[in-house]
Amino acid sequence: MTLHTVIAERQIEVHTVAGYLAGAAGAERAVELVHTACAARGYDPQSLSVAQAMDVFEEIASQPGLVGIAARFARSRMILDQTGRR
């Protein structure tokens, strides 16, 4: 499966997306960050595509400090996981 196909078609759970940030932000804060970023981008957090999750991480990555840095790494880990390369 190509990266383009994964990004365009595959759905991902909001708790899965938040899980990529939980180590740095804590589980509850990670869910809050994801929901806030979804609202900012106009996405339904209960129906996210991988492409939308990438946008969510970009939104979170714009924050200063550890959370922003963690979001950049989380985006990369998610891509690797979703394409079976990790």
N, C-alpha and C. Protein backbone atom coordinates (compact mmCIF):
# COMPACT_ATOMS: atom_id res chain seq x y z
N MET A 1 0.84 -1.17 0.00
CA MET A 1 0.00 0.00 0.00
C MET A 1 0.89 1.24 0.00
N THR A 2 0.60 2.16 -0.87
CA THR A 2 1.42 3.36 -0.97
C THR A 2 1.03 4.37 0.10
N LEU A 3 1.93 5.28 0.37
CA LEU A 3 1.66 6.33 1.35
C LEU A 3 0.45 7.16 0.93
N HIS A 4 0.36 7.47 -0.35
CA HIS A 4 -0.76 8.26 -0.84
C HIS A 4 -2.09 7.56 -0.57
N THR A 5 -2.16 6.26 -0.81
CA THR A 5 -3.37 5.50 -0.57
C THR A 5 -3.73 5.49 0.90
N VAL A 6 -2.74 5.26 1.75
CA VAL A 6 -2.96 5.24 3.19
C VAL A 6 -3.50 6.58 3.66
N ILE A 7 -2.88 7.65 3.23
CA ILE A 7 -3.27 8.98 3.65
C ILE A 7 -4.68 9.32 3.17
N ALA A 8 -4.99 8.96 1.97
CA ALA A 8 -6.27 9.34 1.37
C ALA A 8 -7.45 8.52 1.88
N GLU A 9 -7.23 7.25 2.21
CA GLU A 9 -8.36 6.36 2.44
C GLU A 9 -8.50 5.82 3.87
N ARG A 10 -7.43 5.60 4.57
CA ARG A 10 -7.50 4.94 5.86
C ARG A 10 -8.02 5.87 6.95
N GLN A 11 -8.88 5.33 7.80
CA GLN A 11 -9.40 6.07 8.95
C GLN A 11 -8.58 5.71 10.19
N ILE A 12 -8.53 6.63 11.15
CA ILE A 12 -7.77 6.40 12.37
C ILE A 12 -8.59 6.91 13.55
N GLU A 13 -8.58 6.17 14.64
CA GLU A 13 -9.33 6.53 15.84
C GLU A 13 -8.69 7.72 16.55
N VAL A 14 -9.52 8.56 17.14
CA VAL A 14 -9.01 9.74 17.85
C VAL A 14 -8.09 9.32 19.01
N HIS A 15 -8.41 8.23 19.67
CA HIS A 15 -7.57 7.78 20.79
C HIS A 15 -6.23 7.24 20.30
N THR A 16 -6.21 6.71 19.09
CA THR A 16 -4.94 6.28 18.49
C THR A 16 -4.07 7.50 18.21
N VAL A 17 -4.69 8.54 17.65
CA VAL A 17 -3.95 9.78 17.37
C VAL A 17 -3.42 10.37 18.67
N ALA A 18 -4.27 10.44 19.67
CA ALA A 18 -3.86 10.98 20.97
C ALA A 18 -2.78 10.13 21.62
N GLY A 19 -2.83 8.83 21.37
CA GLY A 19 -1.84 7.93 21.95
C GLY A 19 -0.41 8.25 21.54
N TYR A 20 -0.26 8.80 20.35
CA TYR A 20 1.08 9.18 19.90
C TYR A 20 1.65 10.35 20.70
N LEU A 21 0.78 11.11 21.35
CA LEU A 21 1.22 12.25 22.16
C LEU A 21 1.21 11.97 23.66
N ALA A 22 0.59 10.87 24.05
CA ALA A 22 0.36 10.60 25.47
C ALA A 22 1.65 10.51 26.28
N GLY A 23 2.70 9.99 25.69
CA GLY A 23 3.96 9.87 26.43
C GLY A 23 4.54 11.22 26.83
N ALA A 24 4.33 12.22 26.02
CA ALA A 24 4.86 13.55 26.29
C ALA A 24 3.88 14.44 27.04
N ALA A 25 2.59 14.27 26.78
CA ALA A 25 1.60 15.20 27.33
C ALA A 25 0.68 14.57 28.37
N GLY A 26 0.69 13.24 28.49
CA GLY A 26 -0.27 12.56 29.34
C GLY A 26 -1.52 12.23 28.54
N ALA A 27 -2.20 11.18 28.92
CA ALA A 27 -3.33 10.68 28.13
C ALA A 27 -4.47 11.69 28.02
N GLU A 28 -4.88 12.27 29.13
CA GLU A 28 -6.00 13.21 29.10
C GLU A 28 -5.65 14.47 28.31
N ARG A 29 -4.47 15.00 28.55
CA ARG A 29 -4.04 16.21 27.84
C ARG A 29 -3.91 15.94 26.34
N ALA A 30 -3.43 14.75 25.99
CA ALA A 30 -3.28 14.40 24.57
C ALA A 30 -4.64 14.39 23.87
N VAL A 31 -5.65 13.81 24.51
CA VAL A 31 -6.99 13.80 23.92
C VAL A 31 -7.50 15.23 23.78
N GLU A 32 -7.28 16.04 24.79
CA GLU A 32 -7.69 17.45 24.74
C GLU A 32 -7.00 18.19 23.59
N LEU A 33 -5.71 17.97 23.43
CA LEU A 33 -4.96 18.60 22.34
C LEU A 33 -5.51 18.20 20.98
N VAL A 34 -5.80 16.92 20.81
CA VAL A 34 -6.32 16.42 19.54
C VAL A 34 -7.70 17.01 19.26
N HIS A 35 -8.57 17.04 20.27
CA HIS A 35 -9.91 17.60 20.07
C HIS A 35 -9.84 19.10 19.74
N THR A 36 -8.96 19.83 20.41
CA THR A 36 -8.81 21.25 20.13
C THR A 36 -8.29 21.49 18.72
N ALA A 37 -7.31 20.69 18.31
CA ALA A 37 -6.76 20.82 16.96
C ALA A 37 -7.79 20.44 15.90
N CYS A 38 -8.60 19.42 16.18
CA CYS A 38 -9.67 19.04 15.24
C CYS A 38 -10.66 20.19 15.08
N ALA A 39 -11.02 20.80 16.18
CA ALA A 39 -11.96 21.93 16.12
C ALA A 39 -11.36 23.08 15.31
N ALA A 40 -10.08 23.35 15.51
CA ALA A 40 -9.42 24.44 14.78
C ALA A 40 -9.38 24.18 13.29
N ARG A 41 -9.27 22.91 12.91
CA ARG A 41 -9.21 22.54 11.48
C ARG A 41 -10.57 22.19 10.89
N GLY A 42 -11.61 22.16 11.74
CA GLY A 42 -12.95 21.84 11.25
C GLY A 42 -13.18 20.36 11.01
N TYR A 43 -12.46 19.49 11.73
CA TYR A 43 -12.59 18.05 11.56
C TYR A 43 -13.43 17.44 12.67
N ASP A 44 -14.15 16.38 12.33
CA ASP A 44 -14.87 15.59 13.32
C ASP A 44 -13.87 14.60 13.93
N PRO A 45 -13.56 14.73 15.21
CA PRO A 45 -12.55 13.84 15.80
C PRO A 45 -12.96 12.37 15.82
N GLN A 46 -14.25 12.09 15.65
CA GLN A 46 -14.70 10.70 15.64
C GLN A 46 -14.60 10.06 14.25
N SER A 47 -14.20 10.84 13.25
CA SER A 47 -14.10 10.33 11.88
C SER A 47 -12.90 10.98 11.18
N LEU A 48 -11.70 10.58 11.60
CA LEU A 48 -10.48 11.17 11.05
C LEU A 48 -9.83 10.24 10.03
N SER A 49 -9.44 10.82 8.91
CA SER A 49 -8.59 10.08 7.99
C SER A 49 -7.14 10.29 8.44
N VAL A 50 -6.25 9.49 7.92
CA VAL A 50 -4.83 9.66 8.25
C VAL A 50 -4.36 11.05 7.79
N ALA A 51 -4.85 11.51 6.64
CA ALA A 51 -4.48 12.84 6.15
C ALA A 51 -4.93 13.92 7.13
N GLN A 52 -6.13 13.79 7.67
CA GLN A 52 -6.61 14.75 8.65
C GLN A 52 -5.80 14.67 9.94
N ALA A 53 -5.44 13.45 10.34
CA ALA A 53 -4.61 13.29 11.54
C ALA A 53 -3.26 13.97 11.34
N MET A 54 -2.72 13.90 10.14
CA MET A 54 -1.46 14.60 9.86
C MET A 54 -1.65 16.10 10.03
N ASP A 55 -2.77 16.63 9.56
CA ASP A 55 -3.07 18.05 9.75
C ASP A 55 -3.22 18.40 11.22
N VAL A 56 -3.86 17.50 11.96
CA VAL A 56 -4.02 17.70 13.41
C VAL A 56 -2.65 17.81 14.07
N PHE A 57 -1.74 16.92 13.71
CA PHE A 57 -0.39 17.00 14.28
C PHE A 57 0.31 18.29 13.87
N GLU A 58 0.07 18.76 12.66
CA GLU A 58 0.66 20.03 12.22
C GLU A 58 0.13 21.18 13.06
N GLU A 59 -1.16 21.14 13.36
CA GLU A 59 -1.78 22.18 14.21
C GLU A 59 -1.14 22.16 15.60
N ILE A 60 -1.00 20.99 16.17
CA ILE A 60 -0.41 20.86 17.50
C ILE A 60 1.07 21.23 17.46
N ALA A 61 1.75 20.88 16.38
CA ALA A 61 3.19 21.17 16.25
C ALA A 61 3.47 22.67 16.24
N SER A 62 2.47 23.47 15.95
CA SER A 62 2.68 24.92 15.94
C SER A 62 2.80 25.50 17.35
N GLN A 63 2.49 24.69 18.35
CA GLN A 63 2.62 25.15 19.73
C GLN A 63 4.08 25.12 20.15
N PRO A 64 4.48 26.06 20.98
CA PRO A 64 5.87 26.07 21.43
C PRO A 64 6.13 24.97 22.47
N GLY A 65 7.37 24.65 22.63
CA GLY A 65 7.78 23.74 23.69
C GLY A 65 7.67 22.27 23.36
N LEU A 66 7.62 21.48 24.41
CA LEU A 66 7.64 20.03 24.30
C LEU A 66 6.46 19.48 23.51
N VAL A 67 5.29 20.07 23.68
CA VAL A 67 4.11 19.57 22.97
C VAL A 67 4.30 19.70 21.47
N GLY A 68 4.80 20.83 21.02
CA GLY A 68 5.03 21.03 19.59
C GLY A 68 6.06 20.06 19.03
N ILE A 69 7.12 19.86 19.78
CA ILE A 69 8.16 18.92 19.35
C ILE A 69 7.61 17.50 19.32
N ALA A 70 6.86 17.13 20.36
CA ALA A 70 6.28 15.79 20.42
C ALA A 70 5.33 15.55 19.25
N ALA A 71 4.59 16.57 18.84
CA ALA A 71 3.65 16.43 17.72
C ALA A 71 4.39 16.16 16.42
N ARG A 72 5.55 16.76 16.24
CA ARG A 72 6.33 16.52 15.01
C ARG A 72 6.79 15.06 14.96
N PHE A 73 7.28 14.56 16.08
CA PHE A 73 7.70 13.16 16.14
C PHE A 73 6.50 12.22 16.02
N ALA A 74 5.39 12.58 16.65
CA ALA A 74 4.19 11.75 16.60
C ALA A 74 3.70 11.58 15.17
N ARG A 75 3.73 12.65 14.41
CA ARG A 75 3.31 12.60 13.00
C ARG A 75 4.17 11.59 12.23
N SER A 76 5.46 11.64 12.44
CA SER A 76 6.37 10.71 11.76
C SER A 76 6.10 9.27 12.18
N ARG A 77 5.91 9.04 13.48
CA ARG A 77 5.63 7.68 13.96
C ARG A 77 4.32 7.15 13.39
N MET A 78 3.31 8.02 13.33
CA MET A 78 2.03 7.60 12.79
C MET A 78 2.17 7.18 11.32
N ILE A 79 2.88 7.95 10.55
CA ILE A 79 3.08 7.62 9.13
C ILE A 79 3.78 6.27 9.01
N LEU A 80 4.82 6.06 9.79
CA LEU A 80 5.53 4.79 9.73
C LEU A 80 4.62 3.63 10.14
N ASP A 81 3.84 3.81 11.19
CA ASP A 81 2.93 2.76 11.63
C ASP A 81 1.85 2.47 10.59
N GLN A 82 1.30 3.50 10.00
CA GLN A 82 0.21 3.33 9.05
C GLN A 82 0.65 2.71 7.73
N THR A 83 1.92 2.84 7.41
CA THR A 83 2.43 2.27 6.17
C THR A 83 3.17 0.95 6.41
N GLY A 84 3.19 0.49 7.65
CA GLY A 84 3.84 -0.77 7.97
C GLY A 84 5.34 -0.73 7.90
N ARG A 85 5.92 0.42 8.08
CA ARG A 85 7.37 0.57 7.98
C ARG A 85 8.05 0.68 9.32
N ARG A 86 7.29 0.51 10.36
CA ARG A 86 7.88 0.60 11.70
C ARG A 86 7.69 -0.71 12.41
